[in-house]
């Protein structure tokens, strides 16, 4: 999302993160998005949502969390779907990319996550 920090359900959240593992907080965040960030012409209007991580470290899809995002389709124009991130290295975008084994594991994880996502949400 990347707008700013918001408050929903009595909790503060970073709108650049869909609340992994907390369906109620994700739902509260989308209620806030729908009510406050969908005014055409507003500099805060949200056009696109990007789900950077939709799976856990094994590639299993967060079906409940993604399901909430899909329930709020009228609150954004376009949805970009990510897969998973290999958190096994402290520097996963620089020096880790030089490690052939780490890259292969990262590609395998993303491939598994993508296949699992398509199985869980075949019409998305």
N, C-alpha and C. Protein backbone atom coordinates (compact mmCIF):
# COMPACT_ATOMS: atom_id res chain seq x y z
N UNK A 1 0.83 -1.19 0.00
CA UNK A 1 0.00 0.00 0.00
C UNK A 1 0.86 1.24 0.00
N UNK A 2 1.72 1.37 1.00
CA UNK A 2 2.74 2.40 0.99
C UNK A 2 2.29 3.83 1.18
N UNK A 3 1.10 4.09 1.76
CA UNK A 3 0.68 5.48 1.98
C UNK A 3 1.30 6.06 3.23
N UNK A 4 0.90 5.54 4.35
CA UNK A 4 1.32 6.08 5.63
C UNK A 4 0.97 5.08 6.72
N UNK A 5 0.97 5.51 7.93
CA UNK A 5 0.55 4.67 9.04
C UNK A 5 -0.90 4.99 9.34
N UNK A 6 -1.68 3.98 9.65
CA UNK A 6 -3.09 4.19 9.95
C UNK A 6 -3.46 3.55 11.27
N UNK A 7 -4.71 3.69 11.65
CA UNK A 7 -5.20 3.11 12.88
C UNK A 7 -6.54 2.46 12.59
N UNK A 8 -6.68 1.23 13.01
CA UNK A 8 -7.94 0.52 12.84
C UNK A 8 -8.07 -0.47 13.98
N UNK A 9 -9.26 -0.61 14.46
CA UNK A 9 -9.49 -1.56 15.54
C UNK A 9 -8.67 -1.25 16.78
N UNK A 10 -8.35 0.03 16.99
CA UNK A 10 -7.58 0.41 18.16
C UNK A 10 -6.09 0.10 18.04
N UNK A 11 -5.66 -0.34 16.85
CA UNK A 11 -4.25 -0.67 16.66
C UNK A 11 -3.68 0.15 15.52
N UNK A 12 -2.42 0.50 15.63
CA UNK A 12 -1.72 1.21 14.57
C UNK A 12 -1.08 0.19 13.64
N UNK A 13 -1.14 0.44 12.35
CA UNK A 13 -0.53 -0.46 11.40
C UNK A 13 0.18 0.34 10.32
N UNK A 14 1.20 -0.27 9.75
CA UNK A 14 1.92 0.31 8.62
C UNK A 14 1.17 -0.13 7.38
N UNK A 15 0.66 0.81 6.61
CA UNK A 15 -0.16 0.45 5.46
C UNK A 15 0.64 -0.15 4.32
N UNK A 16 1.96 -0.28 4.48
CA UNK A 16 2.74 -0.95 3.46
C UNK A 16 2.78 -2.45 3.71
N UNK A 17 2.14 -2.91 4.79
CA UNK A 17 2.15 -4.32 5.15
C UNK A 17 0.72 -4.81 5.32
N UNK A 18 0.36 -5.87 4.61
CA UNK A 18 -0.89 -6.55 4.89
C UNK A 18 -0.59 -7.42 6.10
N UNK A 19 -1.38 -7.32 7.11
CA UNK A 19 -1.13 -7.88 8.43
C UNK A 19 -1.05 -9.40 8.42
N UNK A 20 0.12 -9.97 8.14
CA UNK A 20 0.21 -11.43 8.04
C UNK A 20 -0.14 -12.09 9.36
N UNK A 21 -0.97 -13.12 9.28
CA UNK A 21 -1.31 -13.88 10.46
C UNK A 21 -2.40 -13.26 11.32
N UNK A 22 -2.89 -12.07 10.97
CA UNK A 22 -3.91 -11.42 11.77
C UNK A 22 -5.04 -10.97 10.85
N UNK A 23 -5.98 -11.88 10.61
CA UNK A 23 -7.08 -11.61 9.68
C UNK A 23 -7.92 -10.43 10.16
N UNK A 24 -8.15 -10.33 11.46
CA UNK A 24 -8.97 -9.22 11.97
C UNK A 24 -8.31 -7.88 11.73
N UNK A 25 -7.00 -7.80 11.92
CA UNK A 25 -6.29 -6.54 11.68
C UNK A 25 -6.26 -6.23 10.18
N UNK A 26 -6.09 -7.26 9.35
CA UNK A 26 -6.14 -7.05 7.90
C UNK A 26 -7.51 -6.53 7.49
N UNK A 27 -8.57 -7.12 8.03
CA UNK A 27 -9.93 -6.67 7.71
C UNK A 27 -10.13 -5.22 8.16
N UNK A 28 -9.66 -4.89 9.37
CA UNK A 28 -9.80 -3.52 9.88
C UNK A 28 -9.03 -2.54 9.00
N UNK A 29 -7.86 -2.96 8.54
CA UNK A 29 -7.06 -2.10 7.66
C UNK A 29 -7.81 -1.82 6.36
N UNK A 30 -8.44 -2.85 5.79
CA UNK A 30 -9.17 -2.65 4.54
C UNK A 30 -10.43 -1.84 4.72
N UNK A 31 -11.08 -1.96 5.85
CA UNK A 31 -12.23 -1.08 6.13
C UNK A 31 -11.78 0.37 6.13
N UNK A 32 -10.61 0.63 6.72
CA UNK A 32 -10.06 1.99 6.76
C UNK A 32 -9.71 2.45 5.34
N UNK A 33 -9.10 1.57 4.57
CA UNK A 33 -8.73 1.90 3.19
C UNK A 33 -9.99 2.26 2.40
N UNK A 34 -11.02 1.42 2.52
CA UNK A 34 -12.26 1.66 1.76
C UNK A 34 -12.93 2.97 2.15
N UNK A 35 -12.87 3.31 3.42
CA UNK A 35 -13.56 4.52 3.88
C UNK A 35 -12.72 5.78 3.72
N UNK A 36 -11.41 5.67 3.69
CA UNK A 36 -10.58 6.88 3.71
C UNK A 36 -9.68 7.09 2.50
N UNK A 37 -9.46 6.08 1.68
CA UNK A 37 -8.47 6.20 0.61
C UNK A 37 -9.03 5.91 -0.78
N UNK A 38 -10.34 6.05 -0.96
CA UNK A 38 -10.93 5.77 -2.26
C UNK A 38 -11.64 6.99 -2.86
N UNK A 39 -11.28 8.18 -2.44
CA UNK A 39 -11.87 9.39 -2.99
C UNK A 39 -11.11 9.78 -4.25
N UNK A 40 -11.75 9.68 -5.43
CA UNK A 40 -11.06 10.04 -6.67
C UNK A 40 -10.49 11.46 -6.60
N UNK A 41 -9.28 11.62 -7.09
CA UNK A 41 -8.62 12.91 -7.08
C UNK A 41 -7.83 13.20 -5.82
N UNK A 42 -8.04 12.44 -4.78
CA UNK A 42 -7.30 12.64 -3.54
C UNK A 42 -5.86 12.19 -3.72
N UNK A 43 -4.91 12.93 -3.15
CA UNK A 43 -3.51 12.49 -3.24
C UNK A 43 -3.27 11.18 -2.48
N UNK A 44 -4.22 10.79 -1.64
CA UNK A 44 -4.08 9.56 -0.86
C UNK A 44 -4.86 8.39 -1.47
N UNK A 45 -5.45 8.61 -2.64
CA UNK A 45 -6.23 7.57 -3.31
C UNK A 45 -5.36 6.34 -3.57
N UNK A 46 -5.86 5.17 -3.22
CA UNK A 46 -5.11 3.94 -3.45
C UNK A 46 -5.62 3.29 -4.72
N UNK A 47 -4.71 3.17 -5.68
CA UNK A 47 -5.03 2.53 -6.95
C UNK A 47 -4.69 1.04 -6.89
N UNK A 48 -3.48 0.75 -6.44
CA UNK A 48 -2.95 -0.61 -6.49
C UNK A 48 -2.59 -1.11 -5.10
N UNK A 49 -2.76 -2.41 -4.91
CA UNK A 49 -2.34 -3.07 -3.68
C UNK A 49 -1.29 -4.11 -4.10
N UNK A 50 -0.21 -4.17 -3.39
CA UNK A 50 0.82 -5.18 -3.66
C UNK A 50 0.99 -6.07 -2.44
N UNK A 51 0.71 -7.34 -2.64
CA UNK A 51 0.94 -8.31 -1.58
C UNK A 51 2.32 -8.91 -1.83
N UNK A 52 3.30 -8.43 -1.09
CA UNK A 52 4.67 -8.88 -1.31
C UNK A 52 4.84 -10.34 -0.90
N UNK A 53 4.24 -10.71 0.21
CA UNK A 53 4.41 -12.07 0.73
C UNK A 53 3.02 -12.66 0.97
N UNK A 54 2.71 -13.77 0.29
CA UNK A 54 1.42 -14.42 0.46
C UNK A 54 1.57 -15.82 1.02
N UNK A 55 2.79 -16.21 1.38
CA UNK A 55 3.04 -17.57 1.86
C UNK A 55 4.07 -17.56 2.98
N UNK A 56 4.09 -18.66 3.70
CA UNK A 56 5.06 -18.79 4.78
C UNK A 56 6.39 -19.35 4.25
N UNK A 57 7.29 -19.66 5.15
CA UNK A 57 8.64 -20.12 4.76
C UNK A 57 8.64 -21.49 4.09
N UNK A 58 7.51 -22.20 4.14
CA UNK A 58 7.40 -23.50 3.46
C UNK A 58 6.67 -23.36 2.12
N UNK A 59 6.16 -22.16 1.83
CA UNK A 59 5.43 -21.93 0.59
C UNK A 59 3.93 -22.12 0.71
N UNK A 60 3.44 -22.34 1.94
CA UNK A 60 2.00 -22.50 2.16
C UNK A 60 1.30 -21.15 2.09
N UNK A 61 0.25 -21.06 1.29
CA UNK A 61 -0.48 -19.80 1.10
C UNK A 61 -1.23 -19.41 2.37
N UNK A 62 -1.16 -18.14 2.71
CA UNK A 62 -1.96 -17.58 3.81
C UNK A 62 -3.36 -17.37 3.26
N UNK A 63 -4.15 -18.45 3.19
CA UNK A 63 -5.46 -18.39 2.55
C UNK A 63 -6.41 -17.44 3.25
N UNK A 64 -6.37 -17.41 4.57
CA UNK A 64 -7.27 -16.52 5.30
C UNK A 64 -6.93 -15.05 5.02
N UNK A 65 -5.66 -14.70 5.07
CA UNK A 65 -5.24 -13.32 4.84
C UNK A 65 -5.50 -12.87 3.41
N UNK A 66 -5.14 -13.71 2.45
CA UNK A 66 -5.37 -13.38 1.04
C UNK A 66 -6.88 -13.31 0.78
N UNK A 67 -7.64 -14.19 1.42
CA UNK A 67 -9.09 -14.17 1.25
C UNK A 67 -9.70 -12.85 1.67
N UNK A 68 -9.20 -12.27 2.76
CA UNK A 68 -9.69 -10.96 3.20
C UNK A 68 -9.39 -9.90 2.14
N UNK A 69 -8.17 -9.92 1.61
CA UNK A 69 -7.80 -8.94 0.58
C UNK A 69 -8.73 -9.08 -0.63
N UNK A 70 -9.02 -10.30 -1.01
CA UNK A 70 -9.90 -10.52 -2.16
C UNK A 70 -11.34 -10.11 -1.86
N UNK A 71 -11.76 -10.22 -0.61
CA UNK A 71 -13.10 -9.78 -0.22
C UNK A 71 -13.29 -8.27 -0.41
N UNK A 72 -12.20 -7.53 -0.40
CA UNK A 72 -12.26 -6.06 -0.51
C UNK A 72 -11.83 -5.58 -1.89
N UNK A 73 -12.17 -6.30 -2.93
CA UNK A 73 -11.76 -5.95 -4.30
C UNK A 73 -12.19 -4.55 -4.72
N UNK A 74 -13.27 -4.04 -4.16
CA UNK A 74 -13.73 -2.70 -4.55
C UNK A 74 -12.89 -1.59 -3.91
N UNK A 75 -11.95 -1.95 -3.07
CA UNK A 75 -11.13 -0.95 -2.37
C UNK A 75 -9.81 -0.68 -3.06
N UNK A 76 -9.59 -1.24 -4.21
CA UNK A 76 -8.39 -0.99 -4.99
C UNK A 76 -8.69 -1.32 -6.44
N UNK A 77 -7.87 -0.76 -7.33
CA UNK A 77 -8.09 -0.98 -8.76
C UNK A 77 -7.38 -2.22 -9.28
N UNK A 78 -6.20 -2.49 -8.73
CA UNK A 78 -5.39 -3.60 -9.23
C UNK A 78 -4.65 -4.24 -8.06
N UNK A 79 -4.51 -5.57 -8.12
CA UNK A 79 -3.82 -6.32 -7.08
C UNK A 79 -2.61 -7.00 -7.69
N UNK A 80 -1.44 -6.74 -7.11
CA UNK A 80 -0.20 -7.39 -7.52
C UNK A 80 0.09 -8.46 -6.48
N UNK A 81 0.34 -9.68 -6.94
CA UNK A 81 0.53 -10.81 -6.04
C UNK A 81 2.00 -11.20 -5.99
N UNK A 82 2.55 -11.24 -4.78
CA UNK A 82 3.90 -11.75 -4.57
C UNK A 82 3.81 -13.20 -4.12
N UNK A 83 4.93 -13.77 -3.73
CA UNK A 83 4.90 -15.17 -3.31
C UNK A 83 5.41 -15.31 -1.88
N UNK A 84 6.67 -15.58 -1.74
CA UNK A 84 7.26 -15.81 -0.42
C UNK A 84 8.66 -15.21 -0.42
N UNK A 85 9.22 -15.06 0.77
CA UNK A 85 10.59 -14.57 0.87
C UNK A 85 11.40 -15.54 1.70
N UNK A 86 12.59 -15.81 1.24
CA UNK A 86 13.51 -16.69 1.95
C UNK A 86 14.26 -15.85 2.98
N UNK A 87 13.83 -15.96 4.23
CA UNK A 87 14.41 -15.16 5.29
C UNK A 87 15.61 -15.84 5.95
N UNK A 88 16.17 -16.86 5.29
CA UNK A 88 17.26 -17.61 5.90
C UNK A 88 18.60 -16.89 5.85
N UNK A 89 18.67 -15.75 5.20
CA UNK A 89 19.93 -14.99 5.13
C UNK A 89 19.69 -13.58 5.65
N UNK A 90 20.65 -13.02 6.37
CA UNK A 90 20.45 -11.68 6.91
C UNK A 90 20.42 -10.59 5.82
N UNK A 91 21.00 -10.87 4.67
CA UNK A 91 21.09 -9.89 3.60
C UNK A 91 20.54 -10.53 2.33
N UNK A 92 19.22 -10.66 2.24
CA UNK A 92 18.64 -11.45 1.17
C UNK A 92 18.56 -10.76 -0.19
N UNK A 93 18.97 -9.52 -0.28
CA UNK A 93 18.91 -8.86 -1.58
C UNK A 93 20.27 -8.47 -2.15
N UNK A 94 21.32 -8.66 -1.40
CA UNK A 94 22.64 -8.28 -1.93
C UNK A 94 23.58 -9.47 -1.94
N UNK A 95 24.35 -9.64 -0.89
CA UNK A 95 25.33 -10.71 -0.88
C UNK A 95 24.70 -12.09 -0.98
N UNK A 96 23.50 -12.26 -0.47
CA UNK A 96 22.83 -13.57 -0.56
C UNK A 96 22.59 -13.97 -2.01
N UNK A 97 22.34 -13.01 -2.86
CA UNK A 97 22.11 -13.32 -4.27
C UNK A 97 23.35 -13.91 -4.94
N UNK A 98 24.51 -13.69 -4.34
CA UNK A 98 25.75 -14.25 -4.89
C UNK A 98 25.92 -15.72 -4.52
N UNK A 99 25.14 -16.19 -3.57
CA UNK A 99 25.22 -17.58 -3.10
C UNK A 99 24.28 -18.43 -3.95
N UNK A 100 24.85 -19.30 -4.78
CA UNK A 100 24.05 -20.10 -5.71
C UNK A 100 23.03 -20.98 -5.00
N UNK A 101 23.39 -21.57 -3.87
CA UNK A 101 22.46 -22.43 -3.12
C UNK A 101 21.30 -21.60 -2.56
N UNK A 102 21.60 -20.42 -2.07
CA UNK A 102 20.55 -19.56 -1.53
C UNK A 102 19.59 -19.14 -2.64
N UNK A 103 20.14 -18.75 -3.79
CA UNK A 103 19.29 -18.36 -4.93
C UNK A 103 18.38 -19.51 -5.35
N UNK A 104 18.94 -20.70 -5.45
CA UNK A 104 18.15 -21.86 -5.87
C UNK A 104 17.02 -22.13 -4.85
N UNK A 105 17.33 -22.04 -3.57
CA UNK A 105 16.31 -22.25 -2.53
C UNK A 105 15.25 -21.17 -2.61
N UNK A 106 15.66 -19.94 -2.88
CA UNK A 106 14.72 -18.82 -2.98
C UNK A 106 13.78 -19.01 -4.18
N UNK A 107 14.34 -19.43 -5.30
CA UNK A 107 13.52 -19.69 -6.50
C UNK A 107 12.56 -20.84 -6.25
N UNK A 108 13.04 -21.90 -5.60
CA UNK A 108 12.18 -23.04 -5.29
C UNK A 108 11.04 -22.63 -4.37
N UNK A 109 11.35 -21.83 -3.34
CA UNK A 109 10.33 -21.36 -2.41
C UNK A 109 9.27 -20.53 -3.15
N UNK A 110 9.72 -19.61 -3.99
CA UNK A 110 8.77 -18.77 -4.73
C UNK A 110 7.93 -19.60 -5.69
N UNK A 111 8.52 -20.58 -6.33
CA UNK A 111 7.78 -21.45 -7.25
C UNK A 111 6.72 -22.26 -6.50
N UNK A 112 7.11 -22.80 -5.36
CA UNK A 112 6.16 -23.57 -4.54
C UNK A 112 5.02 -22.67 -4.08
N UNK A 113 5.35 -21.48 -3.61
CA UNK A 113 4.34 -20.53 -3.14
C UNK A 113 3.39 -20.15 -4.28
N UNK A 114 3.91 -19.92 -5.46
CA UNK A 114 3.07 -19.55 -6.60
C UNK A 114 2.12 -20.70 -6.97
N UNK A 115 2.63 -21.93 -7.02
CA UNK A 115 1.76 -23.08 -7.32
C UNK A 115 0.67 -23.23 -6.27
N UNK A 116 1.04 -23.08 -5.00
CA UNK A 116 0.05 -23.20 -3.92
C UNK A 116 -1.00 -22.11 -3.99
N UNK A 117 -0.57 -20.90 -4.36
CA UNK A 117 -1.52 -19.80 -4.49
C UNK A 117 -2.55 -20.10 -5.58
N UNK A 118 -2.08 -20.57 -6.72
CA UNK A 118 -2.98 -20.87 -7.84
C UNK A 118 -3.94 -21.99 -7.47
N UNK A 119 -3.48 -22.98 -6.71
CA UNK A 119 -4.38 -24.05 -6.25
C UNK A 119 -5.44 -23.50 -5.30
N UNK A 120 -5.04 -22.61 -4.41
CA UNK A 120 -5.97 -22.05 -3.42
C UNK A 120 -6.95 -21.04 -4.04
N UNK A 121 -6.48 -20.29 -5.03
CA UNK A 121 -7.30 -19.22 -5.64
C UNK A 121 -7.22 -19.35 -7.17
N UNK A 122 -7.79 -20.40 -7.74
CA UNK A 122 -7.63 -20.66 -9.18
C UNK A 122 -8.24 -19.60 -10.09
N UNK A 123 -9.19 -18.83 -9.61
CA UNK A 123 -9.86 -17.83 -10.47
C UNK A 123 -9.37 -16.41 -10.22
N UNK A 124 -8.26 -16.27 -9.55
CA UNK A 124 -7.74 -14.93 -9.24
C UNK A 124 -6.75 -14.50 -10.27
